[in-house]
Amino acid sequence: CLCRLLDMENPELAIVFVRTKRRADEVTEALKKRGY
């Protein structure tokens, strides 16, 4: 859902807030793998 929103809205600068450090690493790596 996040990826679809990023593709639709094309934000200039976006902050994605997560609850844990582990989650931050996981989401960051997954976004990078999709080319963000």
PDB file of all heavy atoms in Angstrom:
ATOM      1  N   CYS A   1       0.839  -1.203   0.000  1.00  0.00           N
ATOM      2  CA  CYS A   1       0.000   0.000   0.000  1.00  0.00           C
ATOM      3  C   CYS A   1       0.877   1.258   0.000  1.00  0.00           C
ATOM      4  O   CYS A   1       0.611   2.209  -0.741  1.00  0.00           O
ATOM      5  CB  CYS A   1      -0.933  -0.007   1.215  1.00  0.00           C
ATOM      6  SG  CYS A   1      -2.060   1.388   1.266  1.00  0.00           S
ATOM      7  N   LEU A   2       1.947   1.239   0.814  1.00  0.00           N
ATOM      8  CA  LEU A   2       2.875   2.378   0.851  1.00  0.00           C
ATOM      9  C   LEU A   2       3.469   2.625  -0.536  1.00  0.00           C
ATOM     10  O   LEU A   2       3.518   3.767  -1.006  1.00  0.00           O
ATOM     11  CB  LEU A   2       3.989   2.117   1.876  1.00  0.00           C
ATOM     12  CG  LEU A   2       5.105   3.169   1.931  1.00  0.00           C
ATOM     13  CD1 LEU A   2       4.582   4.508   2.444  1.00  0.00           C
ATOM     14  CD2 LEU A   2       6.271   2.685   2.803  1.00  0.00           C
ATOM     15  N   CYS A   3       3.911   1.560  -1.196  1.00  0.00           N
ATOM     16  CA  CYS A   3       4.526   1.705  -2.523  1.00  0.00           C
ATOM     17  C   CYS A   3       3.532   2.291  -3.528  1.00  0.00           C
ATOM     18  O   CYS A   3       3.894   3.146  -4.337  1.00  0.00           O
ATOM     19  CB  CYS A   3       5.050   0.362  -3.016  1.00  0.00           C
ATOM     20  SG  CYS A   3       6.457  -0.234  -2.035  1.00  0.00           S
ATOM     21  N   ARG A   4       2.290   1.838  -3.460  1.00  0.00           N
ATOM     22  CA  ARG A   4       1.264   2.378  -4.377  1.00  0.00           C
ATOM     23  C   ARG A   4       1.046   3.869  -4.123  1.00  0.00           C
ATOM     24  O   ARG A   4       0.914   4.654  -5.063  1.00  0.00           O
ATOM     25  CB  ARG A   4      -0.049   1.607  -4.209  1.00  0.00           C
ATOM     26  CG  ARG A   4      -0.001   0.222  -4.818  1.00  0.00           C
ATOM     27  CD  ARG A   4      -1.340  -0.490  -4.729  1.00  0.00           C
ATOM     28  NE  ARG A   4      -1.227  -1.845  -5.259  1.00  0.00           N
ATOM     29  CZ  ARG A   4      -2.252  -2.664  -5.417  1.00  0.00           C
ATOM     30  NH1 ARG A   4      -3.471  -2.268  -5.088  1.00  0.00           N
ATOM     31  NH2 ARG A   4      -2.070  -3.879  -5.907  1.00  0.00           N
ATOM     32  N   LEU A   5       0.991   4.246  -2.840  1.00  0.00           N
ATOM     33  CA  LEU A   5       0.798   5.660  -2.503  1.00  0.00           C
ATOM     34  C   LEU A   5       1.978   6.505  -2.979  1.00  0.00           C
ATOM     35  O   LEU A   5       1.796   7.606  -3.510  1.00  0.00           O
ATOM     36  CB  LEU A   5       0.601   5.831  -0.994  1.00  0.00           C
ATOM     37  CG  LEU A   5      -0.727   5.324  -0.414  1.00  0.00           C
ATOM     38  CD1 LEU A   5      -0.680   5.316   1.108  1.00  0.00           C
ATOM     39  CD2 LEU A   5      -1.900   6.177  -0.886  1.00  0.00           C
ATOM     40  N   LEU A   6       3.190   5.986  -2.799  1.00  0.00           N
ATOM     41  CA  LEU A   6       4.388   6.715  -3.243  1.00  0.00           C
ATOM     42  C   LEU A   6       4.364   6.891  -4.759  1.00  0.00           C
ATOM     43  O   LEU A   6       4.720   7.951  -5.282  1.00  0.00           O
ATOM     44  CB  LEU A   6       5.657   5.969  -2.820  1.00  0.00           C
ATOM     45  CG  LEU A   6       5.979   5.947  -1.311  1.00  0.00           C
ATOM     46  CD1 LEU A   6       7.112   4.974  -1.022  1.00  0.00           C
ATOM     47  CD2 LEU A   6       6.319   7.338  -0.788  1.00  0.00           C
ATOM     48  N   ASP A   7       3.914   5.845  -5.482  1.00  0.00           N
ATOM     49  CA  ASP A   7       3.848   5.925  -6.943  1.00  0.00           C
ATOM     50  C   ASP A   7       2.770   6.909  -7.396  1.00  0.00           C
ATOM     51  O   ASP A   7       2.952   7.648  -8.363  1.00  0.00           O
ATOM     52  CB  ASP A   7       3.555   4.544  -7.544  1.00  0.00           C
ATOM     53  CG  ASP A   7       4.726   3.583  -7.356  1.00  0.00           C
ATOM     54  OD1 ASP A   7       5.836   4.064  -7.048  1.00  0.00           O
ATOM     55  OD2 ASP A   7       4.525   2.363  -7.494  1.00  0.00           O
ATOM     56  N   MET A   8       1.637   6.909  -6.690  1.00  0.00           N
ATOM     57  CA  MET A   8       0.519   7.790  -7.053  1.00  0.00           C
ATOM     58  C   MET A   8       0.814   9.250  -6.745  1.00  0.00           C
ATOM     59  O   MET A   8       0.500  10.145  -7.510  1.00  0.00           O
ATOM     60  CB  MET A   8      -0.737   7.397  -6.262  1.00  0.00           C
ATOM     61  CG  MET A   8      -1.531   6.264  -6.820  1.00  0.00           C
ATOM     62  SD  MET A   8      -2.795   5.780  -5.624  1.00  0.00           S
ATOM     63  CE  MET A   8      -3.726   7.296  -5.447  1.00  0.00           C
ATOM     64  N   GLU A   9       1.407   9.472  -5.561  1.00  0.00           N
ATOM     65  CA  GLU A   9       1.520  10.841  -5.037  1.00  0.00           C
ATOM     66  C   GLU A   9       2.863  11.490  -5.356  1.00  0.00           C
ATOM     67  O   GLU A   9       2.994  12.714  -5.266  1.00  0.00           O
ATOM     68  CB  GLU A   9       1.261  10.833  -3.520  1.00  0.00           C
ATOM     69  CG  GLU A   9      -0.198  10.480  -3.209  1.00  0.00           C
ATOM     70  CD  GLU A   9      -0.438  10.029  -1.778  1.00  0.00           C
ATOM     71  OE1 GLU A   9       0.549   9.866  -1.013  1.00  0.00           O
ATOM     72  OE2 GLU A   9      -1.603   9.841  -1.417  1.00  0.00           O
ATOM     73  N   ASN A  10       3.860  10.664  -5.662  1.00  0.00           N
ATOM     74  CA  ASN A  10       5.184  11.167  -6.039  1.00  0.00           C
ATOM     75  C   ASN A  10       5.664  12.299  -5.119  1.00  0.00           C
ATOM     76  O   ASN A  10       5.934  13.412  -5.570  1.00  0.00           O
ATOM     77  CB  ASN A  10       5.140  11.649  -7.493  1.00  0.00           C
ATOM     78  CG  ASN A  10       6.527  11.878  -8.056  1.00  0.00           C
ATOM     79  OD1 ASN A  10       7.489  11.249  -7.625  1.00  0.00           O
ATOM     80  ND2 ASN A  10       6.643  12.805  -8.996  1.00  0.00           N
ATOM     81  N   PRO A  11       5.769  12.030  -3.800  1.00  0.00           N
ATOM     82  CA  PRO A  11       6.128  13.116  -2.880  1.00  0.00           C
ATOM     83  C   PRO A  11       7.524  13.662  -3.126  1.00  0.00           C
ATOM     84  O   PRO A  11       8.437  12.913  -3.476  1.00  0.00           O
ATOM     85  CB  PRO A  11       6.053  12.436  -1.501  1.00  0.00           C
ATOM     86  CG  PRO A  11       6.193  10.979  -1.763  1.00  0.00           C
ATOM     87  CD  PRO A  11       5.608  10.738  -3.116  1.00  0.00           C
ATOM     88  N   GLU A  12       7.668  14.978  -2.936  1.00  0.00           N
ATOM     89  CA  GLU A  12       9.001  15.594  -3.085  1.00  0.00           C
ATOM     90  C   GLU A  12       9.919  15.104  -1.970  1.00  0.00           C
ATOM     91  O   GLU A  12      11.035  14.668  -2.195  1.00  0.00           O
ATOM     92  CB  GLU A  12       8.878  17.114  -3.034  1.00  0.00           C
ATOM     93  CG  GLU A  12       8.321  17.707  -4.313  1.00  0.00           C
ATOM     94  CD  GLU A  12       8.131  19.211  -4.176  1.00  0.00           C
ATOM     95  OE1 GLU A  12       9.000  19.867  -3.575  1.00  0.00           O
ATOM     96  OE2 GLU A  12       7.104  19.709  -4.666  1.00  0.00           O
ATOM     97  N   LEU A  13       9.428  15.223  -0.739  1.00  0.00           N
ATOM     98  CA  LEU A  13      10.146  14.695   0.432  1.00  0.00           C
ATOM     99  C   LEU A  13       9.118  14.031   1.342  1.00  0.00           C
ATOM    100  O   LEU A  13       8.118  14.663   1.703  1.00  0.00           O
ATOM    101  CB  LEU A  13      10.850  15.809   1.203  1.00  0.00           C
ATOM    102  CG  LEU A  13      12.106  16.449   0.615  1.00  0.00           C
ATOM    103  CD1 LEU A  13      12.617  17.537   1.550  1.00  0.00           C
ATOM    104  CD2 LEU A  13      13.213  15.436   0.358  1.00  0.00           C
ATOM    105  N   ALA A  14       9.359  12.778   1.712  1.00  0.00           N
ATOM    106  CA  ALA A  14       8.404  12.059   2.556  1.00  0.00           C
ATOM    107  C   ALA A  14       9.111  11.430   3.750  1.00  0.00           C
ATOM    108  O   ALA A  14      10.244  10.947   3.624  1.00  0.00           O
ATOM    109  CB  ALA A  14       7.698  10.968   1.749  1.00  0.00           C
ATOM    110  N   ILE A  15       8.435  11.457   4.909  1.00  0.00           N
ATOM    111  CA  ILE A  15       8.934  10.722   6.076  1.00  0.00           C
ATOM    112  C   ILE A  15       7.959   9.583   6.356  1.00  0.00           C
ATOM    113  O   ILE A  15       6.739   9.795   6.436  1.00  0.00           O
ATOM    114  CB  ILE A  15       9.070  11.610   7.329  1.00  0.00           C
ATOM    115  CG1 ILE A  15      10.015  12.790   7.075  1.00  0.00           C
ATOM    116  CG2 ILE A  15       9.590  10.780   8.512  1.00  0.00           C
ATOM    117  CD1 ILE A  15      10.212  13.724   8.264  1.00  0.00           C
ATOM    118  N   VAL A  16       8.494   8.369   6.469  1.00  0.00           N
ATOM    119  CA  VAL A  16       7.701   7.193   6.814  1.00  0.00           C
ATOM    120  C   VAL A  16       8.034   6.847   8.263  1.00  0.00           C
ATOM    121  O   VAL A  16       9.175   6.501   8.581  1.00  0.00           O
ATOM    122  CB  VAL A  16       8.044   5.996   5.886  1.00  0.00           C
ATOM    123  CG1 VAL A  16       7.251   4.756   6.283  1.00  0.00           C
ATOM    124  CG2 VAL A  16       7.787   6.367   4.426  1.00  0.00           C
ATOM    125  N   PHE A  17       7.040   6.982   9.151  1.00  0.00           N
ATOM    126  CA  PHE A  17       7.284   6.713  10.568  1.00  0.00           C
ATOM    127  C   PHE A  17       6.952   5.268  10.915  1.00  0.00           C
ATOM    128  O   PHE A  17       5.867   4.773  10.591  1.00  0.00           O
ATOM    129  CB  PHE A  17       6.444   7.651  11.453  1.00  0.00           C
ATOM    130  CG  PHE A  17       7.023   9.025  11.586  1.00  0.00           C
ATOM    131  CD1 PHE A  17       6.474  10.103  10.895  1.00  0.00           C
ATOM    132  CD2 PHE A  17       8.125   9.255  12.401  1.00  0.00           C
ATOM    133  CE1 PHE A  17       7.006  11.374  11.011  1.00  0.00           C
ATOM    134  CE2 PHE A  17       8.673  10.522  12.523  1.00  0.00           C
ATOM    135  CZ  PHE A  17       8.115  11.583  11.826  1.00  0.00           C
ATOM    136  N   VAL A  18       7.897   4.616  11.567  1.00  0.00           N
ATOM    137  CA  VAL A  18       7.705   3.226  12.001  1.00  0.00           C
ATOM    138  C   VAL A  18       7.949   3.140  13.503  1.00  0.00           C
ATOM    139  O   VAL A  18       8.503   4.056  14.109  1.00  0.00           O
ATOM    140  CB  VAL A  18       8.664   2.263  11.255  1.00  0.00           C
ATOM    141  CG1 VAL A  18       8.334   2.184   9.786  1.00  0.00           C
ATOM    142  CG2 VAL A  18      10.120   2.676  11.447  1.00  0.00           C
ATOM    143  N   ARG A  19       7.543   1.997  14.079  1.00  0.00           N
ATOM    144  CA  ARG A  19       7.561   1.893  15.534  1.00  0.00           C
ATOM    145  C   ARG A  19       8.887   1.385  16.101  1.00  0.00           C
ATOM    146  O   ARG A  19       9.249   1.715  17.213  1.00  0.00           O
ATOM    147  CB  ARG A  19       6.413   0.973  15.978  1.00  0.00           C
ATOM    148  CG  ARG A  19       6.021   1.143  17.427  1.00  0.00           C
ATOM    149  CD  ARG A  19       4.793   0.335  17.750  1.00  0.00           C
ATOM    150  NE  ARG A  19       3.572   1.023  17.393  1.00  0.00           N
ATOM    151  CZ  ARG A  19       2.422   0.415  17.134  1.00  0.00           C
ATOM    152  NH1 ARG A  19       2.358  -0.898  17.158  1.00  0.00           N
ATOM    153  NH2 ARG A  19       1.346   1.111  16.837  1.00  0.00           N
ATOM    154  N   THR A  20       9.585   0.541  15.360  1.00  0.00           N
ATOM    155  CA  THR A  20      10.807  -0.061  15.914  1.00  0.00           C
ATOM    156  C   THR A  20      11.995   0.106  14.973  1.00  0.00           C
ATOM    157  O   THR A  20      11.838   0.328  13.765  1.00  0.00           O
ATOM    158  CB  THR A  20      10.611  -1.584  16.179  1.00  0.00           C
ATOM    159  OG1 THR A  20      10.393  -2.237  14.924  1.00  0.00           O
ATOM    160  CG2 THR A  20       9.433  -1.841  17.096  1.00  0.00           C
ATOM    161  N   LYS A  21      13.191  -0.061  15.549  1.00  0.00           N
ATOM    162  CA  LYS A  21      14.426   0.046  14.759  1.00  0.00           C
ATOM    163  C   LYS A  21      14.490  -1.056  13.700  1.00  0.00           C
ATOM    164  O   LYS A  21      14.901  -0.828  12.573  1.00  0.00           O
ATOM    165  CB  LYS A  21      15.643  -0.066  15.681  1.00  0.00           C
ATOM    166  CG  LYS A  21      15.714   1.024  16.739  1.00  0.00           C
ATOM    167  CD  LYS A  21      16.789   0.712  17.757  1.00  0.00           C
ATOM    168  CE  LYS A  21      16.343   1.154  19.133  1.00  0.00           C
ATOM    169  NZ  LYS A  21      17.270   0.788  20.191  1.00  0.00           N
ATOM    170  N   ARG A  22      14.056  -2.272  14.114  1.00  0.00           N
ATOM    171  CA  ARG A  22      14.065  -3.401  13.185  1.00  0.00           C
ATOM    172  C   ARG A  22      13.156  -3.104  11.985  1.00  0.00           C
ATOM    173  O   ARG A  22      13.502  -3.346  10.843  1.00  0.00           O
ATOM    174  CB  ARG A  22      13.597  -4.669  13.897  1.00  0.00           C
ATOM    175  CG  ARG A  22      13.839  -5.943  13.081  1.00  0.00           C
ATOM    176  CD  ARG A  22      13.159  -7.148  13.674  1.00  0.00           C
ATOM    177  NE  ARG A  22      13.358  -7.230  15.105  1.00  0.00           N
ATOM    178  CZ  ARG A  22      12.440  -7.707  15.955  1.00  0.00           C
ATOM    179  NH1 ARG A  22      11.275  -8.120  15.506  1.00  0.00           N
ATOM    180  NH2 ARG A  22      12.686  -7.769  17.246  1.00  0.00           N
ATOM    181  N   ARG A  23      11.980  -2.554  12.286  1.00  0.00           N
ATOM    182  CA  ARG A  23      11.019  -2.223  11.236  1.00  0.00           C
ATOM    183  C   ARG A  23      11.609  -1.151  10.291  1.00  0.00           C
ATOM    184  O   ARG A  23      11.434  -1.210   9.089  1.00  0.00           O
ATOM    185  CB  ARG A  23       9.729  -1.727  11.875  1.00  0.00           C
ATOM    186  CG  ARG A  23       8.632  -1.407  10.897  1.00  0.00           C
ATOM    187  CD  ARG A  23       7.776  -2.608  10.551  1.00  0.00           C
ATOM    188  NE  ARG A  23       6.442  -2.428  11.054  1.00  0.00           N
ATOM    189  CZ  ARG A  23       5.415  -3.192  10.739  1.00  0.00           C
ATOM    190  NH1 ARG A  23       5.579  -4.212   9.904  1.00  0.00           N
ATOM    191  NH2 ARG A  23       4.226  -2.973  11.235  1.00  0.00           N
ATOM    192  N   ALA A  24      12.324  -0.178  10.879  1.00  0.00           N
ATOM    193  CA  ALA A  24      12.951   0.869  10.059  1.00  0.00           C
ATOM    194  C   ALA A  24      13.919   0.251   9.057  1.00  0.00           C
ATOM    195  O   ALA A  24      13.915   0.602   7.869  1.00  0.00           O
ATOM    196  CB  ALA A  24      13.668   1.881  10.950  1.00  0.00           C
ATOM    197  N   ASP A  25      14.745  -0.683   9.521  1.00  0.00           N
ATOM    198  CA  ASP A  25      15.711  -1.349   8.630  1.00  0.00           C
ATOM    199  C   ASP A  25      14.996  -2.160   7.547  1.00  0.00           C
ATOM    200  O   ASP A  25      15.366  -2.117   6.378  1.00  0.00           O
ATOM    201  CB  ASP A  25      16.634  -2.276   9.439  1.00  0.00           C
ATOM    202  CG  ASP A  25      17.640  -1.500  10.282  1.00  0.00           C
ATOM    203  OD1 ASP A  25      17.917  -0.332   9.935  1.00  0.00           O
ATOM    204  OD2 ASP A  25      18.127  -2.052  11.283  1.00  0.00           O
ATOM    205  N   GLU A  26      13.953  -2.906   7.952  1.00  0.00           N
ATOM    206  CA  GLU A  26      13.232  -3.765   7.001  1.00  0.00           C
ATOM    207  C   GLU A  26      12.547  -2.938   5.904  1.00  0.00           C
ATOM    208  O   GLU A  26      12.653  -3.252   4.720  1.00  0.00           O
ATOM    209  CB  GLU A  26      12.172  -4.600   7.738  1.00  0.00           C
ATOM    210  CG  GLU A  26      12.756  -5.709   8.603  1.00  0.00           C
ATOM    211  CD  GLU A  26      11.734  -6.328   9.555  1.00  0.00           C
ATOM    212  OE1 GLU A  26      10.561  -5.864   9.596  1.00  0.00           O
ATOM    213  OE2 GLU A  26      12.107  -7.276  10.270  1.00  0.00           O
ATOM    214  N   VAL A  27      11.853  -1.876   6.315  1.00  0.00           N
ATOM    215  CA  VAL A  27      11.123  -1.044   5.345  1.00  0.00           C
ATOM    216  C   VAL A  27      12.114  -0.334   4.417  1.00  0.00           C
ATOM    217  O   VAL A  27      11.902  -0.254   3.200  1.00  0.00           O
ATOM    218  CB  VAL A  27      10.181  -0.037   6.059  1.00  0.00           C
ATOM    219  CG1 VAL A  27       9.558   0.948   5.072  1.00  0.00           C
ATOM    220  CG2 VAL A  27       9.074  -0.783   6.806  1.00  0.00           C
ATOM    221  N   THR A  28      13.209   0.175   4.988  1.00  0.00           N
ATOM    222  CA  THR A  28      14.216   0.867   4.168  1.00  0.00           C
ATOM    223  C   THR A  28      14.787  -0.064   3.104  1.00  0.00           C
ATOM    224  O   THR A  28      14.857   0.289   1.924  1.00  0.00           O
ATOM    225  CB  THR A  28      15.362   1.410   5.060  1.00  0.00           C
ATOM    226  OG1 THR A  28      14.821   2.246   6.074  1.00  0.00           O
ATOM    227  CG2 THR A  28      16.375   2.192   4.244  1.00  0.00           C
ATOM    228  N   GLU A  29      15.199  -1.263   3.521  1.00  0.00           N
ATOM    229  CA  GLU A  29      15.786  -2.221   2.573  1.00  0.00           C
ATOM    230  C   GLU A  29      14.789  -2.613   1.491  1.00  0.00           C
ATOM    231  O   GLU A  29      15.132  -2.713   0.310  1.00  0.00           O
ATOM    232  CB  GLU A  29      16.289  -3.479   3.308  1.00  0.00           C
ATOM    233  CG  GLU A  29      17.575  -3.273   4.080  1.00  0.00           C
ATOM    234  CD  GLU A  29      18.656  -2.579   3.252  1.00  0.00           C
ATOM    235  OE1 GLU A  29      18.981  -3.085   2.152  1.00  0.00           O
ATOM    236  OE2 GLU A  29      19.161  -1.520   3.672  1.00  0.00           O
ATOM    237  N   ALA A  30      13.533  -2.846   1.886  1.00  0.00           N
ATOM    238  CA  ALA A  30      12.500  -3.247   0.924  1.00  0.00           C
ATOM    239  C   ALA A  30      12.235  -2.126  -0.084  1.00  0.00           C
ATOM    240  O   ALA A  30      12.054  -2.384  -1.280  1.00  0.00           O
ATOM    241  CB  ALA A  30      11.217  -3.630   1.664  1.00  0.00           C
ATOM    242  N   LEU A  31      12.233  -0.869   0.383  1.00  0.00           N
ATOM    243  CA  LEU A  31      12.038   0.274  -0.526  1.00  0.00           C
ATOM    244  C   LEU A  31      13.196   0.384  -1.509  1.00  0.00           C
ATOM    245  O   LEU A  31      13.001   0.598  -2.712  1.00  0.00           O
ATOM    246  CB  LEU A  31      11.890   1.575   0.274  1.00  0.00           C
ATOM    247  CG  LEU A  31      10.545   1.818   0.972  1.00  0.00           C
ATOM    248  CD1 LEU A  31      10.642   3.015   1.906  1.00  0.00           C
ATOM    249  CD2 LEU A  31       9.410   2.029  -0.041  1.00  0.00           C
ATOM    250  N   LYS A  32      14.415   0.217  -0.997  1.00  0.00           N
ATOM    251  CA  LYS A  32      15.596   0.303  -1.871  1.00  0.00           C
ATOM    252  C   LYS A  32      15.550  -0.776  -2.957  1.00  0.00           C
ATOM    253  O   LYS A  32      15.876  -0.529  -4.119  1.00  0.00           O
ATOM    254  CB  LYS A  32      16.873   0.136  -1.048  1.00  0.00           C
ATOM    255  CG  LYS A  32      17.263   1.374  -0.259  1.00  0.00           C
ATOM    256  CD  LYS A  32      18.522   1.066   0.539  1.00  0.00           C
ATOM    257  CE  LYS A  32      19.070   2.293   1.235  1.00  0.00           C
ATOM    258  NZ  LYS A  32      20.251   1.958   2.056  1.00  0.00           N
ATOM    259  N   LYS A  33      15.115  -1.992  -2.568  1.00  0.00           N
ATOM    260  CA  LYS A  33      15.037  -3.092  -3.543  1.00  0.00           C
ATOM    261  C   LYS A  33      14.035  -2.780  -4.648  1.00  0.00           C
ATOM    262  O   LYS A  33      14.165  -3.272  -5.764  1.00  0.00           O
ATOM    263  CB  LYS A  33      14.638  -4.393  -2.828  1.00  0.00           C
ATOM    264  CG  LYS A  33      15.812  -5.064  -2.133  1.00  0.00           C
ATOM    265  CD  LYS A  33      15.392  -6.306  -1.382  1.00  0.00           C
ATOM    266  CE  LYS A  33      16.579  -6.899  -0.612  1.00  0.00           C
ATOM    267  NZ  LYS A  33      16.159  -7.919   0.349  1.00  0.00           N
ATOM    268  N   ARG A  34      13.021  -1.989  -4.330  1.00  0.00           N
ATOM    269  CA  ARG A  34      12.028  -1.613  -5.352  1.00  0.00           C
ATOM    270  C   ARG A  34      12.434  -0.336  -6.104  1.00  0.00           C
ATOM    271  O   ARG A  34      11.661   0.180  -6.898  1.00  0.00           O
ATOM    272  CB  ARG A  34      10.662  -1.411  -4.697  1.00  0.00           C
ATOM    273  CG  ARG A  34      10.022  -2.710  -4.240  1.00  0.00           C
ATOM    274  CD  ARG A  34       8.521  -2.640  -4.305  1.00  0.00           C
ATOM    275  NE  ARG A  34       7.913  -3.840  -3.754  1.00  0.00           N
ATOM    276  CZ  ARG A  34       6.605  -4.025  -3.647  1.00  0.00           C
ATOM    277  NH1 ARG A  34       5.769  -3.071  -4.049  1.00  0.00           N
ATOM    278  NH2 ARG A  34       6.110  -5.125  -3.147  1.00  0.00           N
ATOM    279  N   GLY A  35      13.627   0.165  -5.815  1.00  0.00           N
ATOM    280  CA  GLY A  35      14.145   1.282  -6.593  1.00  0.00           C
ATOM    281  C   GLY A  35      13.858   2.667  -6.036  1.00  0.00           C
ATOM    282  O   GLY A  35      14.117   3.664  -6.713  1.00  0.00           O
ATOM    283  N   TYR A  36      13.330   2.743  -4.814  1.00  0.00           N
ATOM    284  CA  TYR A  36      13.063   4.061  -4.220  1.00  0.00           C
ATOM    285  C   TYR A  36      14.344   4.604  -3.584  1.00  0.00           C
ATOM    286  O   TYR A  36      15.178   3.842  -3.072  1.00  0.00           O
ATOM    287  CB  TYR A  36      11.967   3.966  -3.149  1.00  0.00           C
ATOM    288  CG  TYR A  36      10.621   3.543  -3.690  1.00  0.00           C
ATOM    289  CD1 TYR A  36      10.206   2.218  -3.576  1.00  0.00           C
ATOM    290  CD2 TYR A  36       9.759   4.451  -4.310  1.00  0.00           C
ATOM    291  CE1 TYR A  36       8.967   1.809  -4.067  1.00  0.00           C
ATOM    292  CE2 TYR A  36       8.528   4.052  -4.803  1.00  0.00           C
ATOM    293  CZ  TYR A  36       8.142   2.721  -4.676  1.00  0.00           C
ATOM    294  OH  TYR A  36       6.925   2.322  -5.170  1.00  0.00           O
TER     295      TYR A  36
END
